[in-house]
Amino acid sequence: MAPVVDGLEAQYAGKVSVRRIDANREGDLANRFGISAVPTYVMLDATGGVLGRTVGGNPDWLADQFQKAAGQ
């Protein structure tokens, strides 16, 4: 999934920010967002509110979420 995320990150540069966390090293953050499986993708708005989430590799969902987040 990394190539998909990297491509979307490049496509939406300046419109959508991507942050990757290591759930094992950043357990508090993982707990905050209810991450219990890897990979989990959480889409947040500018204030940190959860817009959507999915567990597992779903490139179509990610592309749709990036498009929505970019306001397109």
C-alpha atoms as a PDB file:
ATOM      1  CA  MET A   1       0.000   0.000   0.000  1.00  0.00           C
ATOM      2  CA  ALA A   2       2.946   2.341   0.465  1.00  0.00           C
ATOM      3  CA  PRO A   3       3.221   3.040  -3.290  1.00  0.00           C
ATOM      4  CA  VAL A   4      -0.509   3.889  -3.412  1.00  0.00           C
ATOM      5  CA  VAL A   5      -0.245   6.261  -0.449  1.00  0.00           C
ATOM      6  CA  ASP A   6       2.946   7.801  -1.851  1.00  0.00           C
ATOM      7  CA  GLY A   7       1.235   8.407  -5.200  1.00  0.00           C
ATOM      8  CA  LEU A   8      -1.821   9.987  -3.592  1.00  0.00           C
ATOM      9  CA  GLU A   9       0.399  12.098  -1.362  1.00  0.00           C
ATOM     10  CA  ALA A  10       2.224  13.426  -4.429  1.00  0.00           C
ATOM     11  CA  GLN A  11      -1.004  13.951  -6.380  1.00  0.00           C
ATOM     12  CA  TYR A  12      -2.629  15.947  -3.582  1.00  0.00           C
ATOM     13  CA  ALA A  13       0.496  17.754  -2.330  1.00  0.00           C
ATOM     14  CA  GLY A  14      -0.450  21.019  -0.673  1.00  0.00           C
ATOM     15  CA  LYS A  15      -4.068  19.915  -0.275  1.00  0.00           C
ATOM     16  CA  VAL A  16      -3.827  16.780   1.868  1.00  0.00           C
ATOM     17  CA  SER A  17      -1.168  15.960   4.463  1.00  0.00           C
ATOM     18  CA  VAL A  18      -0.041  12.414   5.159  1.00  0.00           C
ATOM     19  CA  ARG A  19       1.336  11.287   8.494  1.00  0.00           C
ATOM     20  CA  ARG A  20       2.540   7.763   9.125  1.00  0.00           C
ATOM     21  CA  ILE A  21       2.856   6.377  12.618  1.00  0.00           C
ATOM     22  CA  ASP A  22       4.381   3.215  13.996  1.00  0.00           C
ATOM     23  CA  ALA A  23       1.576   1.923  16.220  1.00  0.00           C
ATOM     24  CA  ASN A  24       4.076  -0.043  18.319  1.00  0.00           C
ATOM     25  CA  ARG A  25       6.228   2.999  19.032  1.00  0.00           C
ATOM     26  CA  GLU A  26       3.386   5.509  19.282  1.00  0.00           C
ATOM     27  CA  GLY A  27       0.924   3.496  21.316  1.00  0.00           C
ATOM     28  CA  ASP A  28      -0.779   6.516  22.874  1.00  0.00           C
ATOM     29  CA  LEU A  29      -1.591   7.929  19.450  1.00  0.00           C
ATOM     30  CA  ALA A  30      -2.724   4.530  18.192  1.00  0.00           C
ATOM     31  CA  ASN A  31      -5.024   4.192  21.210  1.00  0.00           C
ATOM     32  CA  ARG A  32      -6.380   7.706  20.706  1.00  0.00           C
ATOM     33  CA  PHE A  33      -7.588   6.738  17.234  1.00  0.00           C
ATOM     34  CA  GLY A  34      -8.593   3.168  18.119  1.00  0.00           C
ATOM     35  CA  ILE A  35      -5.956   1.542  15.937  1.00  0.00           C
ATOM     36  CA  SER A  36      -5.730  -2.138  16.782  1.00  0.00           C
ATOM     37  CA  ALA A  37      -4.795  -3.611  13.399  1.00  0.00           C
ATOM     38  CA  VAL A  38      -2.208  -2.724  10.784  1.00  0.00           C
ATOM     39  CA  PRO A  39      -2.646  -1.153   8.369  1.00  0.00           C
ATOM     40  CA  THR A  40      -5.349   1.225   9.546  1.00  0.00           C
ATOM     41  CA  TYR A  41      -5.999   4.453   7.680  1.00  0.00           C
ATOM     42  CA  VAL A  42      -7.691   7.337   9.468  1.00  0.00           C
ATOM     43  CA  MET A  43      -8.708  10.466   7.574  1.00  0.00           C
ATOM     44  CA  LEU A  44      -8.813  13.603   9.707  1.00  0.00           C
ATOM     45  CA  ASP A  45     -10.048  17.110   9.053  1.00  0.00           C
ATOM     46  CA  ALA A  46      -7.968  20.187   9.823  1.00  0.00           C
ATOM     47  CA  THR A  47      -9.101  20.171  13.458  1.00  0.00           C
ATOM     48  CA  GLY A  48      -8.274  16.499  14.050  1.00  0.00           C
ATOM     49  CA  GLY A  49     -11.840  15.227  13.707  1.00  0.00           C
ATOM     50  CA  VAL A  50     -12.192  11.792  12.153  1.00  0.00           C
ATOM     51  CA  LEU A  51     -13.688  11.904   8.652  1.00  0.00           C
ATOM     52  CA  GLY A  52     -13.332   8.200   7.922  1.00  0.00           C
ATOM     53  CA  ARG A  53     -11.349   5.061   8.643  1.00  0.00           C
ATOM     54  CA  THR A  54     -10.603   1.703   7.109  1.00  0.00           C
ATOM     55  CA  VAL A  55      -8.572  -1.316   8.118  1.00  0.00           C
ATOM     56  CA  GLY A  56      -6.537  -3.165   5.527  1.00  0.00           C
ATOM     57  CA  GLY A  57      -5.426  -2.214   2.063  1.00  0.00           C
ATOM     58  CA  ASN A  58      -8.199  -0.552   0.096  1.00  0.00           C
ATOM     59  CA  PRO A  59      -6.755   1.693  -2.632  1.00  0.00           C
ATOM     60  CA  ASP A  60     -10.175   2.750  -3.946  1.00  0.00           C
ATOM     61  CA  TRP A  61     -11.283   3.929  -0.505  1.00  0.00           C
ATOM     62  CA  LEU A  62      -8.032   5.849  -0.037  1.00  0.00           C
ATOM     63  CA  ALA A  63      -8.316   7.540  -3.442  1.00  0.00           C
ATOM     64  CA  ASP A  64     -11.918   8.538  -2.675  1.00  0.00           C
ATOM     65  CA  GLN A  65     -10.975   9.908   0.747  1.00  0.00           C
ATOM     66  CA  PHE A  66      -8.064  11.923  -0.642  1.00  0.00           C
ATOM     67  CA  GLN A  67     -10.353  13.379  -3.295  1.00  0.00           C
ATOM     68  CA  LYS A  68     -12.955  14.350  -0.679  1.00  0.00           C
ATOM     69  CA  ALA A  69     -10.340  15.795   1.656  1.00  0.00           C
ATOM     70  CA  ALA A  70      -8.953  17.918  -1.184  1.00  0.00           C
ATOM     71  CA  GLY A  71     -12.443  19.264  -1.835  1.00  0.00           C
ATOM     72  CA  GLN A  72     -12.726  17.808  -5.309  1.00  0.00           C
END
